[in-house]
Amino acid sequence: MSERRGMTVYFTDGSKLRLDYPKQTQSEAATFVKLREILAARVIVAEVDGVMLMIPFDNVRYLEAHPAPGGLPEWTLKGATVAA
């Protein structure tokens, strides 16, 4: 599981935080379970350089995560692009 992943958190004040991390699960099903747990908790908790970082959803405008997991819900818009 040495594959790298990335996430950019865009905050309501206009700032952003980029995180780089190793793949966290071994299967797409486990990724989807972890995603559901994060959404239910409404907070992202990350260990960053030995420090716990908590990001409450109340301060988040949106998230970008790459690569997109293959196990996204059926209602996900797929193949979309951001129009200028």
Protein backbone atom coordinates (compact mmCIF):
# COMPACT_ATOMS: atom_id res chain seq x y z
CA MET A 1 0.00 0.00 0.00
CA SER A 2 2.76 2.47 -0.86
CA GLU A 3 0.59 4.39 -3.33
CA ARG A 4 0.25 8.10 -2.51
CA ARG A 5 -3.01 9.99 -2.19
CA GLY A 6 -3.74 13.68 -1.86
CA MET A 7 -6.42 15.95 -0.49
CA THR A 8 -6.93 19.68 -0.69
CA VAL A 9 -9.25 21.20 1.91
CA TYR A 10 -10.78 24.54 0.89
CA PHE A 11 -11.89 26.55 3.90
CA THR A 12 -14.73 29.04 4.19
CA ASP A 13 -12.23 31.90 4.74
CA GLY A 14 -10.65 31.26 1.31
CA SER A 15 -7.50 29.51 2.58
CA LYS A 16 -6.60 25.94 1.67
CA LEU A 17 -4.57 23.05 3.08
CA ARG A 18 -2.96 20.33 0.97
CA LEU A 19 -2.31 16.92 2.49
CA ASP A 20 -0.23 14.11 0.96
CA TYR A 21 -0.60 10.65 2.49
CA PRO A 22 -0.22 6.94 1.72
CA LYS A 23 -3.15 4.81 0.64
CA GLN A 24 -5.19 4.10 3.79
CA THR A 25 -7.19 0.98 2.86
CA GLN A 26 -6.61 -2.20 0.88
CA SER A 27 -9.94 -2.26 -0.98
CA GLU A 28 -12.47 0.06 -2.54
CA ALA A 29 -15.14 -1.25 -0.16
CA ALA A 30 -13.00 -0.32 2.84
CA THR A 31 -12.41 3.13 1.33
CA PHE A 32 -16.16 3.68 1.02
CA VAL A 33 -16.71 2.60 4.66
CA LYS A 34 -14.01 5.02 5.83
CA LEU A 35 -15.57 7.82 3.76
CA ARG A 36 -18.98 7.17 5.33
CA GLU A 37 -17.40 7.29 8.81
CA ILE A 38 -15.74 10.63 8.08
CA LEU A 39 -18.98 12.10 6.75
CA ALA A 40 -20.90 10.89 9.82
CA ALA A 41 -18.30 12.34 12.20
CA ARG A 42 -18.25 15.68 10.32
CA VAL A 43 -14.55 16.06 11.08
CA ILE A 44 -11.35 15.01 9.33
CA VAL A 45 -8.70 13.77 11.77
CA ALA A 46 -5.18 13.39 10.40
CA GLU A 47 -1.82 12.59 11.92
CA VAL A 48 0.54 15.09 10.31
CA ASP A 49 4.24 14.93 11.15
CA GLY A 50 3.45 13.44 14.58
CA VAL A 51 0.73 15.99 15.38
CA MET A 52 -3.04 15.39 15.42
CA LEU A 53 -4.86 17.74 13.05
CA MET A 54 -8.65 18.07 13.34
CA ILE A 55 -10.61 19.81 10.59
CA PRO A 56 -14.31 20.33 11.45
CA PHE A 57 -16.64 20.35 8.46
CA ASP A 58 -18.17 23.61 9.74
CA ASN A 59 -15.04 25.39 8.47
CA VAL A 60 -14.82 23.56 5.13
CA ARG A 61 -16.21 24.88 1.88
CA TYR A 62 -15.29 21.77 -0.12
CA LEU A 63 -12.71 18.98 -0.46
CA GLU A 64 -10.69 17.68 -3.38
CA ALA A 65 -9.26 14.16 -3.09
CA HIS A 66 -7.20 12.30 -5.66
CA PRO A 67 -7.28 9.89 -7.15
CA ALA A 68 -11.03 9.44 -6.84
CA PRO A 69 -11.84 6.02 -5.36
CA GLY A 70 -13.59 3.55 -7.64
CA GLY A 71 -16.20 2.67 -5.01
CA LEU A 72 -18.11 5.96 -5.09
CA PRO A 73 -21.90 5.88 -4.52
CA GLU A 74 -24.16 5.28 -7.52
CA TRP A 75 -25.49 8.86 -7.29
CA THR A 76 -22.00 10.33 -7.88
CA LEU A 77 -21.60 12.54 -10.94
CA LYS A 78 -18.82 10.82 -12.89
CA GLY A 79 -16.62 12.25 -15.64
CA ALA A 80 -17.40 15.86 -14.64
CA THR A 81 -15.16 18.87 -15.31
CA VAL A 82 -15.12 22.27 -13.62
CA ALA A 83 -16.36 24.91 -16.03
CA ALA A 84 -14.77 28.34 -15.90
